Structures are given as C-alpha cells and as structure tokens.
PDB file of all heavy atoms in Angstrom:
ATOM      1  N   GLY A   1      47.300 -87.721 -29.388  1.00  0.00           N
ATOM      2  CA  GLY A   1      46.644 -88.708 -28.536  1.00  0.00           C
ATOM      3  C   GLY A   1      46.274 -89.977 -29.269  1.00  0.00           C
ATOM      4  O   GLY A   1      46.357 -91.076 -28.716  1.00  0.00           O
ATOM      5  N   GLY A   2      45.879 -89.843 -30.538  1.00  0.00           N
ATOM      6  CA  GLY A   2      45.488 -91.001 -31.317  1.00  0.00           C
ATOM      7  C   GLY A   2      46.607 -91.987 -31.558  1.00  0.00           C
ATOM      8  O   GLY A   2      46.368 -93.110 -32.021  1.00  0.00           O
ATOM      9  N   LEU A   3      47.851 -91.607 -31.229  1.00  0.00           N
ATOM     10  CA  LEU A   3      48.962 -92.563 -31.342  1.00  0.00           C
ATOM     11  C   LEU A   3      48.748 -93.760 -30.416  1.00  0.00           C
ATOM     12  O   LEU A   3      49.223 -94.863 -30.691  1.00  0.00           O
ATOM     13  CB  LEU A   3      50.287 -91.888 -31.007  1.00  0.00           C
ATOM     14  CG  LEU A   3      50.743 -90.772 -31.953  1.00  0.00           C
ATOM     15  CD1 LEU A   3      52.025 -90.136 -31.423  1.00  0.00           C
ATOM     16  CD2 LEU A   3      50.950 -91.299 -33.363  1.00  0.00           C
ATOM     17  N   SER A   4      48.027 -93.564 -29.301  1.00  0.00           N
ATOM     18  CA  SER A   4      47.743 -94.686 -28.409  1.00  0.00           C
ATOM     19  C   SER A   4      46.828 -95.693 -29.098  1.00  0.00           C
ATOM     20  O   SER A   4      46.956 -96.904 -28.897  1.00  0.00           O
ATOM     21  CB  SER A   4      47.115 -94.190 -27.097  1.00  0.00           C
ATOM     22  OG  SER A   4      45.858 -93.554 -27.327  1.00  0.00           O
ATOM     23  N   VAL A   5      45.902 -95.206 -29.930  1.00  0.00           N
ATOM     24  CA  VAL A   5      45.035 -96.087 -30.706  1.00  0.00           C
ATOM     25  C   VAL A   5      45.807 -96.692 -31.869  1.00  0.00           C
ATOM     26  O   VAL A   5      45.667 -97.881 -32.182  1.00  0.00           O
ATOM     27  CB  VAL A   5      43.794 -95.320 -31.205  1.00  0.00           C
ATOM     28  CG1 VAL A   5      42.931 -96.199 -32.094  1.00  0.00           C
ATOM     29  CG2 VAL A   5      42.985 -94.787 -30.038  1.00  0.00           C
ATOM     30  N   LEU A   6      46.627 -95.876 -32.523  1.00  0.00           N
ATOM     31  CA  LEU A   6      47.430 -96.378 -33.637  1.00  0.00           C
ATOM     32  C   LEU A   6      48.300 -97.552 -33.200  1.00  0.00           C
ATOM     33  O   LEU A   6      48.458 -98.536 -33.938  1.00  0.00           O
ATOM     34  CB  LEU A   6      48.299 -95.257 -34.203  1.00  0.00           C
ATOM     35  CG  LEU A   6      49.254 -95.644 -35.339  1.00  0.00           C
ATOM     36  CD1 LEU A   6      48.477 -96.099 -36.570  1.00  0.00           C
ATOM     37  CD2 LEU A   6      50.179 -94.473 -35.688  1.00  0.00           C
ATOM     38  N   ALA A   7      48.879 -97.478 -32.008  1.00  0.00           N
ATOM     39  CA  ALA A   7      49.718 -98.574 -31.514  1.00  0.00           C
ATOM     40  C   ALA A   7      48.925 -99.874 -31.427  1.00  0.00           C
ATOM     41  O   ALA A   7      49.408-100.947 -31.800  1.00  0.00           O
ATOM     42  CB  ALA A   7      50.312 -98.217 -30.152  1.00  0.00           C
ATOM     43  N   GLU A   8      47.678 -99.768 -30.934  1.00  0.00           N
ATOM     44  CA  GLU A   8      46.838-100.970 -30.837  1.00  0.00           C
ATOM     45  C   GLU A   8      46.427-101.465 -32.224  1.00  0.00           C
ATOM     46  O   GLU A   8      46.362-102.679 -32.471  1.00  0.00           O
ATOM     47  CB  GLU A   8      45.596-100.673 -29.992  1.00  0.00           C
ATOM     48  CG  GLU A   8      45.880-100.317 -28.549  1.00  0.00           C
ATOM     49  CD  GLU A   8      46.436-101.480 -27.738  1.00  0.00           C
ATOM     50  OE1 GLU A   8      46.427-102.620 -28.228  1.00  0.00           O
ATOM     51  OE2 GLU A   8      46.894-101.235 -26.610  1.00  0.00           O
ATOM     52  N   LEU A   9      46.162-100.549 -33.128  1.00  0.00           N
ATOM     53  CA  LEU A   9      45.822-100.944 -34.496  1.00  0.00           C
ATOM     54  C   LEU A   9      46.976-101.684 -35.154  1.00  0.00           C
ATOM     55  O   LEU A   9      46.783-102.691 -35.850  1.00  0.00           O
ATOM     56  CB  LEU A   9      45.463 -99.703 -35.320  1.00  0.00           C
ATOM     57  CG  LEU A   9      44.114 -99.047 -35.015  1.00  0.00           C
ATOM     58  CD1 LEU A   9      44.057 -97.649 -35.633  1.00  0.00           C
ATOM     59  CD2 LEU A   9      42.956 -99.902 -35.549  1.00  0.00           C
ATOM     60  N   ARG A  10      48.191-101.229 -34.933  1.00  0.00           N
ATOM     61  CA  ARG A  10      49.348-101.868 -35.555  1.00  0.00           C
ATOM     62  C   ARG A  10      49.621-103.237 -34.939  1.00  0.00           C
ATOM     63  O   ARG A  10      50.127-104.143 -35.611  1.00  0.00           O
ATOM     64  CB  ARG A  10      50.581-100.975 -35.443  1.00  0.00           C
ATOM     65  CG  ARG A  10      50.408 -99.631 -36.159  1.00  0.00           C
ATOM     66  CD  ARG A  10      51.725 -98.924 -36.326  1.00  0.00           C
ATOM     67  NE  ARG A  10      52.503 -99.542 -37.389  1.00  0.00           N
ATOM     68  CZ  ARG A  10      53.820 -99.361 -37.551  1.00  0.00           C
ATOM     69  NH1 ARG A  10      54.489 -98.622 -36.676  1.00  0.00           N
ATOM     70  NH2 ARG A  10      54.449 -99.935 -38.535  1.00  0.00           N
ATOM     71  N   ARG A  11      49.292-103.405 -33.679  1.00  0.00           N
ATOM     72  CA  ARG A  11      49.426-104.730 -33.071  1.00  0.00           C
ATOM     73  C   ARG A  11      48.398-105.700 -33.650  1.00  0.00           C
ATOM     74  O   ARG A  11      48.693-106.867 -33.900  1.00  0.00           O
ATOM     75  CB  ARG A  11      49.259-104.637 -31.550  1.00  0.00           C
ATOM     76  CG  ARG A  11      50.401-103.905 -30.857  1.00  0.00           C
ATOM     77  CD  ARG A  11      50.245-103.908 -29.340  1.00  0.00           C
ATOM     78  NE  ARG A  11      51.350-103.182 -28.724  1.00  0.00           N
ATOM     79  CZ  ARG A  11      51.281-101.949 -28.249  1.00  0.00           C
ATOM     80  NH1 ARG A  11      50.137-101.298 -28.321  1.00  0.00           N
ATOM     81  NH2 ARG A  11      52.331-101.360 -27.713  1.00  0.00           N
ATOM     82  N   ALA A  12      47.174-105.208 -33.842  1.00  0.00           N
ATOM     83  CA  ALA A  12      46.108-106.067 -34.362  1.00  0.00           C
ATOM     84  C   ALA A  12      46.215-106.280 -35.863  1.00  0.00           C
ATOM     85  O   ALA A  12      45.778-107.308 -36.388  1.00  0.00           O
ATOM     86  CB  ALA A  12      44.743-105.460 -34.021  1.00  0.00           C
ATOM     87  N   LEU A  13      46.798-105.298 -36.567  1.00  0.00           N
ATOM     88  CA  LEU A  13      46.856-105.329 -38.033  1.00  0.00           C
ATOM     89  C   LEU A  13      48.277-104.994 -38.495  1.00  0.00           C
ATOM     90  O   LEU A  13      48.515-103.977 -39.151  1.00  0.00           O
ATOM     91  CB  LEU A  13      45.858-104.305 -38.607  1.00  0.00           C
ATOM     92  CG  LEU A  13      44.386-104.557 -38.280  1.00  0.00           C
ATOM     93  CD1 LEU A  13      43.574-103.283 -38.444  1.00  0.00           C
ATOM     94  CD2 LEU A  13      43.840-105.662 -39.169  1.00  0.00           C
ATOM     95  N   PRO A  14      49.245-105.850 -38.180  1.00  0.00           N
ATOM     96  CA  PRO A  14      50.653-105.500 -38.455  1.00  0.00           C
ATOM     97  C   PRO A  14      50.989-105.389 -39.929  1.00  0.00           C
ATOM     98  O   PRO A  14      51.987-104.750 -40.281  1.00  0.00           O
ATOM     99  CB  PRO A  14      51.428-106.655 -37.795  1.00  0.00           C
ATOM    100  CG  PRO A  14      50.456-107.790 -37.756  1.00  0.00           C
ATOM    101  CD  PRO A  14      49.118-107.158 -37.520  1.00  0.00           C
ATOM    102  N   GLY A  15      50.189-105.985 -40.815  1.00  0.00           N
ATOM    103  CA  GLY A  15      50.489-105.918 -42.241  1.00  0.00           C
ATOM    104  C   GLY A  15      49.886-104.731 -42.947  1.00  0.00           C
ATOM    105  O   GLY A  15      50.144-104.519 -44.148  1.00  0.00           O
ATOM    106  N   GLU A  16      49.088-103.924 -42.254  1.00  0.00           N
ATOM    107  CA  GLU A  16      48.410-102.788 -42.884  1.00  0.00           C
ATOM    108  C   GLU A  16      49.284-101.539 -42.894  1.00  0.00           C
ATOM    109  O   GLU A  16      50.061-101.296 -41.970  1.00  0.00           O
ATOM    110  CB  GLU A  16      47.097-102.476 -42.148  1.00  0.00           C
ATOM    111  CG  GLU A  16      46.084-103.593 -42.133  1.00  0.00           C
ATOM    112  CD  GLU A  16      45.457-103.845 -43.484  1.00  0.00           C
ATOM    113  OE1 GLU A  16      45.495-102.934 -44.341  1.00  0.00           O
ATOM    114  OE2 GLU A  16      44.905-104.940 -43.685  1.00  0.00           O
ATOM    115  N   ASP A  17      49.122-100.735 -43.930  1.00  0.00           N
ATOM    116  CA  ASP A  17      49.698 -99.389 -43.956  1.00  0.00           C
ATOM    117  C   ASP A  17      48.710 -98.421 -43.314  1.00  0.00           C
ATOM    118  O   ASP A  17      47.485 -98.615 -43.401  1.00  0.00           O
ATOM    119  CB  ASP A  17      49.977 -98.944 -45.394  1.00  0.00           C
ATOM    120  CG  ASP A  17      51.090 -99.740 -46.050  1.00  0.00           C
ATOM    121  OD1 ASP A  17      51.960-100.259 -45.331  1.00  0.00           O
ATOM    122  OD2 ASP A  17      51.076 -99.848 -47.293  1.00  0.00           O
ATOM    123  N   PHE A  18      49.247 -97.367 -42.706  1.00  0.00           N
ATOM    124  CA  PHE A  18      48.406 -96.380 -42.037  1.00  0.00           C
ATOM    125  C   PHE A  18      48.797 -94.969 -42.464  1.00  0.00           C
ATOM    126  O   PHE A  18      49.969 -94.685 -42.727  1.00  0.00           O
ATOM    127  CB  PHE A  18      48.526 -96.500 -40.517  1.00  0.00           C
ATOM    128  CG  PHE A  18      47.923 -97.752 -39.953  1.00  0.00           C
ATOM    129  CD1 PHE A  18      48.694 -98.897 -39.814  1.00  0.00           C
ATOM    130  CD2 PHE A  18      46.593 -97.793 -39.579  1.00  0.00           C
ATOM    131  CE1 PHE A  18      48.148-100.065 -39.311  1.00  0.00           C
ATOM    132  CE2 PHE A  18      46.028 -98.952 -39.071  1.00  0.00           C
ATOM    133  CZ  PHE A  18      46.806-100.088 -38.944  1.00  0.00           C
ATOM    134  N   LEU A  19      47.802 -94.113 -42.504  1.00  0.00           N
ATOM    135  CA  LEU A  19      47.985 -92.679 -42.759  1.00  0.00           C
ATOM    136  C   LEU A  19      47.386 -91.952 -41.565  1.00  0.00           C
ATOM    137  O   LEU A  19      46.165 -91.954 -41.369  1.00  0.00           O
ATOM    138  CB  LEU A  19      47.266 -92.296 -44.057  1.00  0.00           C
ATOM    139  CG  LEU A  19      47.562 -90.932 -44.683  1.00  0.00           C
ATOM    140  CD1 LEU A  19      49.043 -90.783 -45.005  1.00  0.00           C
ATOM    141  CD2 LEU A  19      46.716 -90.748 -45.940  1.00  0.00           C
ATOM    142  N   TYR A  20      48.254 -91.378 -40.720  1.00  0.00           N
ATOM    143  CA  TYR A  20      47.816 -90.754 -39.467  1.00  0.00           C
ATOM    144  C   TYR A  20      47.802 -89.236 -39.630  1.00  0.00           C
ATOM    145  O   TYR A  20      48.823 -88.640 -40.013  1.00  0.00           O
ATOM    146  CB  TYR A  20      48.759 -91.136 -38.333  1.00  0.00           C
ATOM    147  CG  TYR A  20      48.368 -90.576 -36.981  1.00  0.00           C
ATOM    148  CD1 TYR A  20      47.614 -91.326 -36.094  1.00  0.00           C
ATOM    149  CD2 TYR A  20      48.755 -89.292 -36.592  1.00  0.00           C
ATOM    150  CE1 TYR A  20      47.251 -90.823 -34.846  1.00  0.00           C
ATOM    151  CE2 TYR A  20      48.390 -88.769 -35.364  1.00  0.00           C
ATOM    152  CZ  TYR A  20      47.639 -89.537 -34.489  1.00  0.00           C
ATOM    153  OH  TYR A  20      47.277 -89.028 -33.272  1.00  0.00           O
ATOM    154  N   LEU A  21      46.673 -88.616 -39.336  1.00  0.00           N
ATOM    155  CA  LEU A  21      46.525 -87.163 -39.463  1.00  0.00           C
ATOM    156  C   LEU A  21      46.294 -86.540 -38.091  1.00  0.00           C
ATOM    157  O   LEU A  21      45.323 -86.863 -37.396  1.00  0.00           O
ATOM    158  CB  LEU A  21      45.356 -86.815 -40.383  1.00  0.00           C
ATOM    159  CG  LEU A  21      44.930 -85.343 -40.462  1.00  0.00           C
ATOM    160  CD1 LEU A  21      46.102 -84.447 -40.851  1.00  0.00           C
ATOM    161  CD2 LEU A  21      43.783 -85.173 -41.448  1.00  0.00           C
ATOM    162  N   ALA A  22      47.199 -85.633 -37.686  1.00  0.00           N
ATOM    163  CA  ALA A  22      47.080 -84.883 -36.446  1.00  0.00           C
ATOM    164  C   ALA A  22      46.750 -83.431 -36.778  1.00  0.00           C
ATOM    165  O   ALA A  22      47.558 -82.727 -37.392  1.00  0.00           O
ATOM    166  CB  ALA A  22      48.385 -84.950 -35.656  1.00  0.00           C
ATOM    167  N   ASP A  23      45.574 -82.977 -36.373  1.00  0.00           N
ATOM    168  CA  ASP A  23      45.125 -81.619 -36.692  1.00  0.00           C
ATOM    169  C   ASP A  23      45.626 -80.632 -35.642  1.00  0.00           C
ATOM    170  O   ASP A  23      44.854 -79.985 -34.938  1.00  0.00           O
ATOM    171  CB  ASP A  23      43.600 -81.589 -36.785  1.00  0.00           C
ATOM    172  CG  ASP A  23      43.073 -80.256 -37.297  1.00  0.00           C
ATOM    173  OD1 ASP A  23      43.863 -79.481 -37.879  1.00  0.00           O
ATOM    174  OD2 ASP A  23      41.876 -79.983 -37.103  1.00  0.00           O
ATOM    175  N   LEU A  24      46.947 -80.495 -35.567  1.00  0.00           N
ATOM    176  CA  LEU A  24      47.550 -79.684 -34.509  1.00  0.00           C
ATOM    177  C   LEU A  24      47.248 -78.203 -34.643  1.00  0.00           C
ATOM    178  O   LEU A  24      47.309 -77.461 -33.657  1.00  0.00           O
ATOM    179  CB  LEU A  24      49.065 -79.899 -34.509  1.00  0.00           C
ATOM    180  CG  LEU A  24      49.535 -81.299 -34.092  1.00  0.00           C
ATOM    181  CD1 LEU A  24      51.040 -81.406 -34.220  1.00  0.00           C
ATOM    182  CD2 LEU A  24      49.088 -81.626 -32.686  1.00  0.00           C
ATOM    183  N   ALA A  25      46.903 -77.744 -35.844  1.00  0.00           N
ATOM    184  CA  ALA A  25      46.593 -76.327 -36.017  1.00  0.00           C
ATOM    185  C   ALA A  25      45.327 -75.928 -35.271  1.00  0.00           C
ATOM    186  O   ALA A  25      45.125 -74.741 -34.988  1.00  0.00           O
ATOM    187  CB  ALA A  25      46.436 -76.004 -37.508  1.00  0.00           C
ATOM    188  N   HIS A  26      44.468 -76.908 -34.945  1.00  0.00           N
ATOM    189  CA  HIS A  26      43.184 -76.592 -34.304  1.00  0.00           C
ATOM    190  C   HIS A  26      43.010 -77.303 -32.966  1.00  0.00           C
ATOM    191  O   HIS A  26      41.933 -77.236 -32.380  1.00  0.00           O
ATOM    192  CB  HIS A  26      42.040 -76.970 -35.244  1.00  0.00           C
ATOM    193  CG  HIS A  26      42.132 -76.324 -36.588  1.00  0.00           C
ATOM    194  ND1 HIS A  26      42.555 -77.005 -37.717  1.00  0.00           N
ATOM    195  CD2 HIS A  26      41.901 -75.045 -36.976  1.00  0.00           C
ATOM    196  CE1 HIS A  26      42.553 -76.178 -38.748  1.00  0.00           C
ATOM    197  NE2 HIS A  26      42.174 -74.986 -38.341  1.00  0.00           N
ATOM    198  N   MET A  27      44.037 -77.980 -32.502  1.00  0.00           N
ATOM    199  CA  MET A  27      43.997 -78.682 -31.227  1.00  0.00           C
ATOM    200  C   MET A  27      44.092 -77.674 -30.080  1.00  0.00           C
ATOM    201  O   MET A  27      44.799 -76.675 -30.196  1.00  0.00           O
ATOM    202  CB  MET A  27      45.177 -79.661 -31.213  1.00  0.00           C
ATOM    203  CG  MET A  27      45.276 -80.594 -30.004  1.00  0.00           C
ATOM    204  SD  MET A  27      45.972 -79.884 -28.509  1.00  0.00           S
ATOM    205  CE  MET A  27      47.525 -79.236 -29.040  1.00  0.00           C
ATOM    206  N   PRO A  28      43.348 -77.912 -28.931  1.00  0.00           N
ATOM    207  CA  PRO A  28      42.496 -79.058 -28.621  1.00  0.00           C
ATOM    208  C   PRO A  28      41.051 -78.848 -29.069  1.00  0.00           C
ATOM    209  O   PRO A  28      40.605 -77.716 -29.221  1.00  0.00           O
ATOM    210  CB  PRO A  28      42.579 -79.143 -27.101  1.00  0.00           C
ATOM    211  CG  PRO A  28      42.740 -77.714 -26.669  1.00  0.00           C
ATOM    212  CD  PRO A  28      43.572 -77.046 -27.736  1.00  0.00           C
ATOM    213  N   TYR A  29      40.346 -79.954 -29.270  1.00  0.00           N
ATOM    214  CA  TYR A  29      38.954 -79.906 -29.690  1.00  0.00           C
ATOM    215  C   TYR A  29      37.989 -79.799 -28.504  1.00  0.00           C
ATOM    216  O   TYR A  29      36.848 -79.379 -28.665  1.00  0.00           O
ATOM    217  CB  TYR A  29      38.594 -81.182 -30.463  1.00  0.00           C
ATOM    218  CG  TYR A  29      39.031 -81.214 -31.915  1.00  0.00           C
ATOM    219  CD1 TYR A  29      39.950 -80.312 -32.430  1.00  0.00           C
ATOM    220  CD2 TYR A  29      38.509 -82.172 -32.769  1.00  0.00           C
ATOM    221  CE1 TYR A  29      40.349 -80.372 -33.748  1.00  0.00           C
ATOM    222  CE2 TYR A  29      38.891 -82.239 -34.097  1.00  0.00           C
ATOM    223  CZ  TYR A  29      39.818 -81.337 -34.586  1.00  0.00           C
ATOM    224  OH  TYR A  29      40.196 -81.397 -35.902  1.00  0.00           O
TER     225      TYR A  29
END
C-alpha cells in the first residue's frame, strides 16, 4: 500500500534515493 505514498514522494523528490520495506510476513496490521 505504501507504494501509493512512494509515488508521491518520488514526484516531490525525484533526485532522492529510497529504501522501501514491505513487512509482508506480518501483513495485515
């Protein structure tokens, strides 16, 4: 789900590197 936020972050901060962590072993919270 956080990919929707990541997309907005990359639009606002296109020069930044990102490290995205999905805790699928324990999803859903």
